[in-house]
Amino acid sequence: MSALSSTILQQARTGLTSALREVRSCRAARQQCNNELEVCRAGTLAEDKRHLSDDQHLQTEAQHCLVQLQHTREQLQARTQELADEKGRAETITNAAQKQLATARSRLQQATSAEAACKTQLEQTASAEAQQQQVQAQLGVLRRKLEQKEQLEDAIEGKHSKLTEVQPCVPDSH
């Protein structure tokens, strides 16, 4: 064995040492990768748990929102029904009020016509009363004239009877 063998051996040792270093380096890198992989898996697991927790939280919140939405929808339907009922009552009241107003207008028109008829009748009655008062006044004047005439006639008859009394009925002596 000579120097050549020693050189080859030396080179082989150097190569093997170098390969061994490289294998050790690869093993260390592999261990580091395994460690990082474990850390990554642990992080991913924690992240998955967090995501799962977040998903569960979001799902719970979504269910809560759906319950609130359903409750709000029911309240809206109830309020819509109340408004429809109120509108119906308002229409009923409005229709009744319009009928009452029409009846009141009709009665007012009838009352106005009756008032005009009464006014006309009152004017006619007042005119007839004025005419009756004139007739009564004329009748009073005529009664006084009649009384005066009767008094005159009575006076004339009285004088006539005095005249006939004063002159006795004596035959004429001629």
N, C-alpha and C. Protein backbone atom coordinates (compact mmCIF):
# COMPACT_ATOMS: atom_id res chain seq x y z
N MET A 1 0.84 -1.12 0.00
CA MET A 1 0.00 0.00 0.00
C MET A 1 0.89 1.18 0.00
N SER A 2 0.57 1.60 -0.75
CA SER A 2 1.51 2.63 -1.04
C SER A 2 0.88 3.98 -0.87
N ALA A 3 1.64 4.86 -1.35
CA ALA A 3 1.23 6.24 -1.23
C ALA A 3 -0.03 6.48 -2.00
N LEU A 4 -0.19 5.76 -3.03
CA LEU A 4 -1.40 5.93 -3.84
C LEU A 4 -2.59 5.43 -3.06
N SER A 5 -2.44 4.33 -2.47
CA SER A 5 -3.52 3.81 -1.66
C SER A 5 -3.79 4.73 -0.50
N SER A 6 -2.77 5.21 0.08
CA SER A 6 -2.97 6.14 1.18
C SER A 6 -3.64 7.40 0.69
N THR A 7 -3.31 7.85 -0.43
CA THR A 7 -3.93 9.04 -0.99
C THR A 7 -5.38 8.74 -1.30
N ILE A 8 -5.64 7.60 -1.88
CA ILE A 8 -7.01 7.24 -2.21
C ILE A 8 -7.78 7.09 -0.92
N LEU A 9 -7.11 6.44 0.02
CA LEU A 9 -7.78 6.29 1.30
C LEU A 9 -8.03 7.64 1.95
N GLN A 10 -7.04 8.44 1.85
CA GLN A 10 -7.17 9.79 2.41
C GLN A 10 -8.30 10.51 1.69
N GLN A 11 -8.38 10.43 0.44
CA GLN A 11 -9.42 11.09 -0.34
C GLN A 11 -10.76 10.47 -0.01
N ALA A 12 -10.75 9.15 0.15
CA ALA A 12 -12.00 8.48 0.49
C ALA A 12 -12.45 8.91 1.87
N ARG A 13 -11.48 9.00 2.79
CA ARG A 13 -11.82 9.48 4.12
C ARG A 13 -12.34 10.88 4.07
N THR A 14 -11.70 11.70 3.33
CA THR A 14 -12.12 13.09 3.20
C THR A 14 -13.50 13.12 2.58
N GLY A 15 -13.70 12.32 1.56
CA GLY A 15 -15.02 12.26 0.92
C GLY A 15 -16.07 11.72 1.86
N LEU A 16 -15.68 10.65 2.61
CA LEU A 16 -16.62 10.08 3.56
C LEU A 16 -16.90 11.06 4.69
N THR A 17 -15.88 11.71 5.17
CA THR A 17 -16.05 12.71 6.23
C THR A 17 -16.95 13.82 5.72
N SER A 18 -16.66 14.21 4.53
CA SER A 18 -17.48 15.28 3.93
C SER A 18 -18.91 14.79 3.74
N ALA A 19 -19.07 13.54 3.30
CA ALA A 19 -20.41 12.99 3.10
C ALA A 19 -21.10 12.82 4.44
N LEU A 20 -20.29 12.38 5.46
CA LEU A 20 -20.84 12.24 6.80
C LEU A 20 -21.30 13.59 7.34
N ARG A 21 -20.47 14.60 7.13
CA ARG A 21 -20.87 15.96 7.54
C ARG A 21 -22.14 16.39 6.83
N GLU A 22 -22.16 16.06 5.57
CA GLU A 22 -23.35 16.42 4.78
C GLU A 22 -24.57 15.66 5.26
N VAL A 23 -24.38 14.36 5.60
CA VAL A 23 -25.49 13.56 6.11
C VAL A 23 -25.94 14.14 7.44
N ARG A 24 -24.93 14.47 8.32
CA ARG A 24 -25.28 15.08 9.60
C ARG A 24 -25.99 16.40 9.40
N SER A 25 -25.47 17.17 8.47
CA SER A 25 -26.10 18.47 8.17
C SER A 25 -27.51 18.25 7.65
N CYS A 26 -27.67 17.22 6.79
CA CYS A 26 -29.01 16.92 6.26
C CYS A 26 -29.92 16.44 7.38
N ARG A 27 -29.33 15.59 8.29
CA ARG A 27 -30.15 15.13 9.40
C ARG A 27 -30.56 16.30 10.30
N ALA A 28 -29.62 17.19 10.55
CA ALA A 28 -29.92 18.37 11.39
C ALA A 28 -30.98 19.23 10.69
N ALA A 29 -30.81 19.39 9.38
CA ALA A 29 -31.79 20.19 8.61
C ALA A 29 -33.14 19.48 8.62
N ARG A 30 -33.05 18.11 8.50
CA ARG A 30 -34.29 17.34 8.52
C ARG A 30 -34.96 17.46 9.89
N GLN A 31 -34.15 17.38 10.95
CA GLN A 31 -34.70 17.54 12.30
C GLN A 31 -35.31 18.94 12.45
N GLN A 32 -34.59 19.91 11.94
CA GLN A 32 -35.10 21.30 12.00
C GLN A 32 -36.41 21.39 11.23
N CYS A 33 -36.45 20.74 10.06
CA CYS A 33 -37.69 20.74 9.26
C CYS A 33 -38.80 20.04 10.02
N ASN A 34 -38.43 18.89 10.66
CA ASN A 34 -39.45 18.18 11.45
C ASN A 34 -39.96 19.05 12.60
N ASN A 35 -39.00 19.73 13.26
CA ASN A 35 -39.40 20.63 14.35
C ASN A 35 -40.31 21.75 13.83
N GLU A 36 -39.90 22.34 12.72
CA GLU A 36 -40.71 23.42 12.13
C GLU A 36 -42.06 22.88 11.69
N LEU A 37 -42.02 21.64 11.15
CA LEU A 37 -43.27 21.02 10.72
C LEU A 37 -44.19 20.81 11.92
N GLU A 38 -43.63 20.35 13.05
CA GLU A 38 -44.42 20.16 14.26
C GLU A 38 -44.98 21.50 14.75
N VAL A 39 -44.11 22.52 14.74
CA VAL A 39 -44.57 23.86 15.15
C VAL A 39 -45.67 24.33 14.20
N CYS A 40 -45.43 24.08 12.92
CA CYS A 40 -46.43 24.50 11.92
C CYS A 40 -47.73 23.74 12.12
N ARG A 41 -47.59 22.40 12.36
CA ARG A 41 -48.79 21.60 12.59
C ARG A 41 -49.52 22.08 13.85
N ALA A 42 -48.73 22.35 14.89
CA ALA A 42 -49.35 22.84 16.13
C ALA A 42 -50.03 24.19 15.87
N GLY A 43 -49.34 25.05 15.11
CA GLY A 43 -49.94 26.35 14.77
C GLY A 43 -51.18 26.18 13.91
N THR A 44 -51.09 25.26 12.95
CA THR A 44 -52.23 25.00 12.08
C THR A 44 -53.38 24.43 12.88
N LEU A 45 -53.04 23.52 13.80
CA LEU A 45 -54.07 22.94 14.65
C LEU A 45 -54.73 24.03 15.50
N ALA A 46 -53.88 24.89 16.08
CA ALA A 46 -54.42 26.01 16.87
C ALA A 46 -55.23 26.93 15.97
N GLU A 47 -54.68 27.16 14.78
CA GLU A 47 -55.39 28.03 13.82
C GLU A 47 -56.70 27.38 13.41
N ASP A 48 -56.65 26.05 13.17
CA ASP A 48 -57.88 25.34 12.81
C ASP A 48 -58.89 25.41 13.95
N LYS A 49 -58.36 25.22 15.19
CA LYS A 49 -59.27 25.32 16.33
C LYS A 49 -59.86 26.72 16.43
N ARG A 50 -59.00 27.72 16.21
CA ARG A 50 -59.47 29.11 16.25
C ARG A 50 -60.49 29.34 15.14
N HIS A 51 -60.19 28.84 13.94
CA HIS A 51 -61.13 28.98 12.82
C HIS A 51 -62.43 28.24 13.14
N LEU A 52 -62.28 27.04 13.71
CA LEU A 52 -63.45 26.28 14.08
C LEU A 52 -64.26 27.04 15.13
N SER A 53 -63.53 27.59 16.10
CA SER A 53 -64.20 28.39 17.13
C SER A 53 -64.85 29.62 16.50
N ASP A 54 -64.10 30.27 15.59
CA ASP A 54 -64.66 31.44 14.90
C ASP A 54 -65.87 31.03 14.07
N ASP A 55 -65.75 29.89 13.37
CA ASP A 55 -66.88 29.41 12.57
C ASP A 55 -68.08 29.11 13.45
N GLN A 56 -67.81 28.46 14.59
CA GLN A 56 -68.91 28.17 15.51
C GLN A 56 -69.52 29.47 16.04
N HIS A 57 -68.65 30.41 16.36
CA HIS A 57 -69.13 31.71 16.84
C HIS A 57 -69.96 32.40 15.76
N LEU A 58 -69.43 32.37 14.53
CA LEU A 58 -70.17 32.99 13.43
C LEU A 58 -71.49 32.26 13.19
N GLN A 59 -71.45 30.93 13.29
CA GLN A 59 -72.69 30.18 13.10
C GLN A 59 -73.69 30.51 14.20
N THR A 60 -73.20 30.59 15.44
CA THR A 60 -74.08 30.97 16.56
C THR A 60 -74.63 32.37 16.35
N GLU A 61 -73.75 33.28 15.93
CA GLU A 61 -74.19 34.65 15.67
C GLU A 61 -75.18 34.70 14.52
N ALA A 62 -74.93 33.90 13.48
CA ALA A 62 -75.85 33.84 12.35
C ALA A 62 -77.21 33.30 12.79
N GLN A 63 -77.19 32.26 13.65
CA GLN A 63 -78.45 31.73 14.16
C GLN A 63 -79.17 32.78 14.99
N HIS A 64 -78.41 33.50 15.80
CA HIS A 64 -79.00 34.58 16.60
C HIS A 64 -79.61 35.64 15.69
N CYS A 65 -78.88 35.99 14.64
CA CYS A 65 -79.39 36.98 13.68
C CYS A 65 -80.66 36.47 12.99
N LEU A 66 -80.68 35.18 12.65
CA LEU A 66 -81.87 34.60 12.03
C LEU A 66 -83.06 34.65 12.98
N VAL A 67 -82.79 34.36 14.26
CA VAL A 67 -83.87 34.43 15.26
C VAL A 67 -84.38 35.87 15.36
N GLN A 68 -83.43 36.83 15.42
CA GLN A 68 -83.83 38.24 15.47
C GLN A 68 -84.58 38.65 14.21
N LEU A 69 -84.10 38.17 13.07
CA LEU A 69 -84.76 38.49 11.80
C LEU A 69 -86.18 37.94 11.79
N GLN A 70 -86.34 36.71 12.25
CA GLN A 70 -87.68 36.10 12.31
C GLN A 70 -88.57 36.90 13.26
N HIS A 71 -88.02 37.27 14.41
CA HIS A 71 -88.79 38.06 15.38
C HIS A 71 -89.18 39.41 14.78
N THR A 72 -88.22 40.04 14.10
CA THR A 72 -88.50 41.33 13.46
C THR A 72 -89.55 41.17 12.36
N ARG A 73 -89.45 40.08 11.60
CA ARG A 73 -90.42 39.81 10.54
C ARG A 73 -91.82 39.64 11.13
N GLU A 74 -91.90 38.90 12.26
CA GLU A 74 -93.20 38.71 12.93
C GLU A 74 -93.75 40.04 13.44
N GLN A 75 -92.86 40.86 14.02
CA GLN A 75 -93.29 42.18 14.48
C GLN A 75 -93.78 43.03 13.32
N LEU A 76 -93.06 42.96 12.20
CA LEU A 76 -93.45 43.72 11.01
C LEU A 76 -94.82 43.26 10.51
N GLN A 77 -95.03 41.95 10.47
CA GLN A 77 -96.32 41.43 10.02
C GLN A 77 -97.43 41.87 10.97
N ALA A 78 -97.15 41.81 12.28
CA ALA A 78 -98.16 42.23 13.26
C ALA A 78 -98.46 43.71 13.10
N ARG A 79 -97.42 44.52 12.93
CA ARG A 79 -97.62 45.98 12.77
C ARG A 79 -98.35 46.27 11.47
N THR A 80 -98.00 45.54 10.41
CA THR A 80 -98.69 45.71 9.12
C THR A 80 -100.17 45.39 9.27
N GLN A 81 -100.47 44.32 10.01
CA GLN A 81 -101.87 43.95 10.25
C GLN A 81 -102.57 45.03 11.07
N GLU A 82 -101.88 45.55 12.10
CA GLU A 82 -102.46 46.62 12.92
C GLU A 82 -102.78 47.83 12.05
N LEU A 83 -101.82 48.19 11.19
CA LEU A 83 -102.03 49.35 10.32
C LEU A 83 -103.20 49.10 9.36
N ALA A 84 -103.29 47.88 8.84
CA ALA A 84 -104.40 47.55 7.94
C ALA A 84 -105.73 47.63 8.70
N ASP A 85 -105.73 47.13 9.95
CA ASP A 85 -106.95 47.21 10.77
C ASP A 85 -107.31 48.66 11.05
N GLU A 86 -106.30 49.47 11.40
CA GLU A 86 -106.55 50.88 11.67
C GLU A 86 -107.06 51.59 10.42
N LYS A 87 -106.49 51.24 9.27
CA LYS A 87 -106.93 51.84 8.01
C LYS A 87 -108.38 51.47 7.74
N GLY A 88 -108.72 50.20 7.99
CA GLY A 88 -110.11 49.75 7.80
C GLY A 88 -111.06 50.50 8.72
N ARG A 89 -110.65 50.65 10.01
CA ARG A 89 -111.49 51.39 10.95
C ARG A 89 -111.62 52.85 10.51
N ALA A 90 -110.51 53.43 10.06
CA ALA A 90 -110.54 54.83 9.61
C ALA A 90 -111.47 54.98 8.41
N GLU A 91 -111.42 54.02 7.48
CA GLU A 91 -112.31 54.08 6.31
C GLU A 91 -113.76 53.94 6.74
N THR A 92 -114.02 53.04 7.69
CA THR A 92 -115.39 52.86 8.19
C THR A 92 -115.88 54.14 8.85
N ILE A 93 -115.04 54.73 9.69
CA ILE A 93 -115.40 55.97 10.37
C ILE A 93 -115.60 57.09 9.36
N THR A 94 -114.71 57.16 8.36
CA THR A 94 -114.82 58.20 7.33
C THR A 94 -116.11 58.03 6.55
N ASN A 95 -116.44 56.79 6.17
CA ASN A 95 -117.68 56.55 5.43
C ASN A 95 -118.89 56.93 6.27
N ALA A 96 -118.88 56.54 7.55
CA ALA A 96 -120.00 56.89 8.44
C ALA A 96 -120.10 58.41 8.59
N ALA A 97 -118.95 59.07 8.72
CA ALA A 97 -118.95 60.53 8.86
C ALA A 97 -119.47 61.19 7.59
N GLN A 98 -119.10 60.65 6.43
CA GLN A 98 -119.58 61.21 5.17
C GLN A 98 -121.09 61.03 5.05
N LYS A 99 -121.60 59.87 5.48
CA LYS A 99 -123.05 59.65 5.45
C LYS A 99 -123.75 60.62 6.40
N GLN A 100 -123.18 60.78 7.60
CA GLN A 100 -123.77 61.72 8.56
C GLN A 100 -123.72 63.14 8.02
N LEU A 101 -122.61 63.49 7.36
CA LEU A 101 -122.48 64.81 6.79
C LEU A 101 -123.51 65.01 5.68
N ALA A 102 -123.70 64.00 4.83
CA ALA A 102 -124.70 64.10 3.76
C ALA A 102 -126.10 64.24 4.35
N THR A 103 -126.38 63.46 5.41
CA THR A 103 -127.68 63.56 6.08
C THR A 103 -127.85 64.94 6.69
N ALA A 104 -126.81 65.44 7.33
CA ALA A 104 -126.87 66.77 7.95
C ALA A 104 -127.08 67.84 6.89
N ARG A 105 -126.39 67.70 5.76
CA ARG A 105 -126.56 68.69 4.68
C ARG A 105 -128.00 68.65 4.15
N SER A 106 -128.52 67.42 3.98
CA SER A 106 -129.90 67.28 3.51
C SER A 106 -130.86 67.92 4.50
N ARG A 107 -130.65 67.64 5.79
CA ARG A 107 -131.51 68.25 6.82
C ARG A 107 -131.37 69.76 6.84
N LEU A 108 -130.14 70.24 6.66
CA LEU A 108 -129.92 71.68 6.62
C LEU A 108 -130.65 72.29 5.43
N GLN A 109 -130.58 71.62 4.29
CA GLN A 109 -131.28 72.11 3.10
C GLN A 109 -132.79 72.11 3.34
N GLN A 110 -133.30 71.04 3.96
CA GLN A 110 -134.73 70.99 4.27
C GLN A 110 -135.10 72.09 5.26
N ALA A 111 -134.24 72.28 6.26
CA ALA A 111 -134.51 73.33 7.25
C ALA A 111 -134.47 74.70 6.61
N THR A 112 -133.54 74.90 5.68
CA THR A 112 -133.45 76.18 4.98
C THR A 112 -134.70 76.41 4.14
N SER A 113 -135.16 75.35 3.46
CA SER A 113 -136.39 75.46 2.67
C SER A 113 -137.58 75.73 3.58
N ALA A 114 -137.64 75.01 4.71
CA ALA A 114 -138.74 75.22 5.67
C ALA A 114 -138.69 76.63 6.24
N GLU A 115 -137.47 77.11 6.49
CA GLU A 115 -137.32 78.48 7.01
C GLU A 115 -137.83 79.49 5.99
N ALA A 116 -137.47 79.27 4.72
CA ALA A 116 -137.92 80.19 3.67
C ALA A 116 -139.45 80.14 3.56
N ALA A 117 -140.03 78.93 3.63
CA ALA A 117 -141.49 78.80 3.56
C ALA A 117 -142.13 79.48 4.76
N CYS A 118 -141.56 79.28 5.95
CA CYS A 118 -142.10 79.93 7.15
C CYS A 118 -141.97 81.44 7.06
N LYS A 119 -140.85 81.90 6.52
CA LYS A 119 -140.63 83.34 6.36
C LYS A 119 -141.69 83.92 5.42
N THR A 120 -141.92 83.20 4.30
CA THR A 120 -142.94 83.65 3.35
C THR A 120 -144.31 83.66 4.03
N GLN A 121 -144.62 82.58 4.75
CA GLN A 121 -145.91 82.50 5.44
C GLN A 121 -146.02 83.58 6.51
N LEU A 122 -144.93 83.85 7.20
CA LEU A 122 -144.92 84.90 8.22
C LEU A 122 -145.16 86.26 7.58
N GLU A 123 -144.51 86.49 6.44
CA GLU A 123 -144.73 87.76 5.73
C GLU A 123 -146.19 87.87 5.28
N GLN A 124 -146.73 86.74 4.76
CA GLN A 124 -148.14 86.76 4.34
C GLN A 124 -149.05 87.00 5.54
N THR A 125 -148.73 86.34 6.65
CA THR A 125 -149.54 86.53 7.86
C THR A 125 -149.44 87.96 8.35
N ALA A 126 -148.23 88.52 8.31
CA ALA A 126 -148.04 89.92 8.73
C ALA A 126 -148.82 90.85 7.82
N SER A 127 -148.78 90.55 6.51
CA SER A 127 -149.53 91.37 5.56
C SER A 127 -151.03 91.25 5.82
N ALA A 128 -151.49 90.00 6.04
CA ALA A 128 -152.92 89.79 6.33
C ALA A 128 -153.30 90.47 7.63
N GLU A 129 -152.42 90.41 8.61
CA GLU A 129 -152.69 91.07 9.89
C GLU A 129 -152.77 92.57 9.71
N ALA A 130 -151.85 93.11 8.90
CA ALA A 130 -151.89 94.56 8.64
C ALA A 130 -153.20 94.93 7.93
N GLN A 131 -153.59 94.09 6.95
CA GLN A 131 -154.86 94.34 6.26
C GLN A 131 -156.03 94.23 7.24
N GLN A 132 -155.96 93.22 8.13
CA GLN A 132 -157.04 93.06 9.11
C GLN A 132 -157.10 94.27 10.03
N GLN A 133 -155.91 94.78 10.42
CA GLN A 133 -155.89 95.97 11.28
C GLN A 133 -156.49 97.16 10.55
N GLN A 134 -156.18 97.27 9.23
CA GLN A 134 -156.79 98.36 8.45
C GLN A 134 -158.30 98.19 8.39
N VAL A 135 -158.73 96.93 8.14
CA VAL A 135 -160.18 96.67 8.09
C VAL A 135 -160.80 96.98 9.44
N GLN A 136 -160.13 96.56 10.54
CA GLN A 136 -160.64 96.84 11.88
C GLN A 136 -160.73 98.35 12.11
N ALA A 137 -159.68 99.06 11.65
CA ALA A 137 -159.70 100.52 11.81
C ALA A 137 -160.85 101.11 11.01
N GLN A 138 -160.99 100.64 9.75
CA GLN A 138 -162.10 101.14 8.93
C GLN A 138 -163.44 100.76 9.54
N LEU A 139 -163.52 99.53 10.07
CA LEU A 139 -164.74 99.09 10.73
C LEU A 139 -165.04 99.96 11.94
N GLY A 140 -163.99 100.30 12.68
CA GLY A 140 -164.17 101.19 13.83
C GLY A 140 -164.69 102.54 13.40
N VAL A 141 -164.11 103.06 12.31
CA VAL A 141 -164.57 104.35 11.78
C VAL A 141 -166.02 104.23 11.35
N LEU A 142 -166.34 103.12 10.64
CA LEU A 142 -167.72 102.93 10.18
C LEU A 142 -168.66 102.77 11.36
N ARG A 143 -168.27 102.10 12.42
CA ARG A 143 -169.11 101.95 13.61
C ARG A 143 -169.37 103.31 14.25
N ARG A 144 -168.30 104.09 14.34
CA ARG A 144 -168.51 105.43 14.92
C ARG A 144 -169.46 106.25 14.05
N LYS A 145 -169.25 106.13 12.73
CA LYS A 145 -170.16 106.86 11.83
C LYS A 145 -171.57 106.35 11.99
N LEU A 146 -171.71 105.02 12.10
CA LEU A 146 -173.02 104.42 12.27
C LEU A 146 -173.64 104.89 13.58
N GLU A 147 -172.81 104.90 14.63
CA GLU A 147 -173.32 105.38 15.92
C GLU A 147 -173.76 106.84 15.80
N GLN A 148 -172.91 107.61 15.12
CA GLN A 148 -173.27 109.02 14.94
C GLN A 148 -174.56 109.14 14.14
N LYS A 149 -174.67 108.31 13.10
CA LYS A 149 -175.87 108.34 12.28
C LYS A 149 -177.08 107.94 13.12
N GLU A 150 -176.90 106.86 13.91
CA GLU A 150 -178.01 106.42 14.76
C GLU A 150 -178.35 107.50 15.77
N GLN A 151 -177.31 108.13 16.30
CA GLN A 151 -177.57 109.21 17.26
C GLN A 151 -178.31 110.35 16.57
N LEU A 152 -177.88 110.64 15.34
CA LEU A 152 -178.57 111.70 14.59
C LEU A 152 -180.00 111.28 14.31
N GLU A 153 -180.16 110.01 13.89
CA GLU A 153 -181.52 109.54 13.61
C GLU A 153 -182.35 109.58 14.88
N ASP A 154 -181.74 109.14 15.98
CA ASP A 154 -182.46 109.19 17.25
C ASP A 154 -182.80 110.64 17.61
N ALA A 155 -181.84 111.50 17.37
CA ALA A 155 -182.08 112.90 17.68
C ALA A 155 -183.18 113.45 16.78
N ILE A 156 -183.12 113.06 15.50
CA ILE A 156 -184.15 113.53 14.58
C ILE A 156 -185.49 112.97 14.99
N GLU A 157 -185.55 111.72 15.31
CA GLU A 157 -186.81 111.13 15.73
C GLU A 157 -187.29 111.78 17.01
N GLY A 158 -186.34 112.06 17.87
CA GLY A 158 -186.73 112.71 19.13
C GLY A 158 -187.31 114.07 18.86
N LYS A 159 -186.76 114.83 17.96
CA LYS A 159 -187.29 116.15 17.64
C LYS A 159 -188.61 115.98 16.93
N HIS A 160 -188.65 114.98 16.07
CA HIS A 160 -189.90 114.75 15.35
C HIS A 160 -191.00 114.37 16.34
N SER A 161 -190.68 113.57 17.29
CA SER A 161 -191.72 113.22 18.25
C SER A 161 -192.04 114.41 19.13
N LYS A 162 -191.10 115.26 19.42
CA LYS A 162 -191.40 116.45 20.20
C LYS A 162 -192.29 117.37 19.39
N LEU A 163 -191.97 117.42 18.14
CA LEU A 163 -192.80 118.28 17.30
C LEU A 163 -194.21 117.72 17.23
N THR A 164 -194.31 116.49 17.13
CA THR A 164 -195.65 115.91 17.06
C THR A 164 -196.31 115.98 18.41
N GLU A 165 -195.61 116.02 19.46
CA GLU A 165 -196.19 116.14 20.78
C GLU A 165 -196.62 117.56 21.02
N VAL A 166 -195.87 118.44 20.59
CA VAL A 166 -196.17 119.84 20.84
C VAL A 166 -197.45 120.23 20.11
N GLN A 167 -197.65 119.77 19.05
CA GLN A 167 -198.87 120.12 18.32
C GLN A 167 -199.86 119.00 18.50
N PRO A 168 -200.84 119.32 19.27
CA PRO A 168 -201.86 118.31 19.43
C PRO A 168 -202.65 118.22 18.17
N CYS A 169 -203.15 117.17 18.04
CA CYS A 169 -203.96 116.93 16.86
C CYS A 169 -205.33 117.56 17.11
N VAL A 170 -205.56 118.70 16.68
CA VAL A 170 -206.84 119.42 16.80
C VAL A 170 -207.41 119.62 15.41
N PRO A 171 -208.71 119.40 15.35
CA PRO A 171 -209.30 119.62 14.04
C PRO A 171 -209.20 121.09 13.71
N ASP A 172 -209.10 121.32 12.58
CA ASP A 172 -208.98 122.68 12.07
C ASP A 172 -210.34 123.40 12.20
N SER A 173 -210.28 124.47 12.73
CA SER A 173 -211.52 125.24 12.77
C SER A 173 -211.46 126.34 11.75
N HIS A 174 -211.77 126.17 10.88
CA HIS A 174 -211.85 127.15 9.85
C HIS A 174 -213.18 127.47 9.50
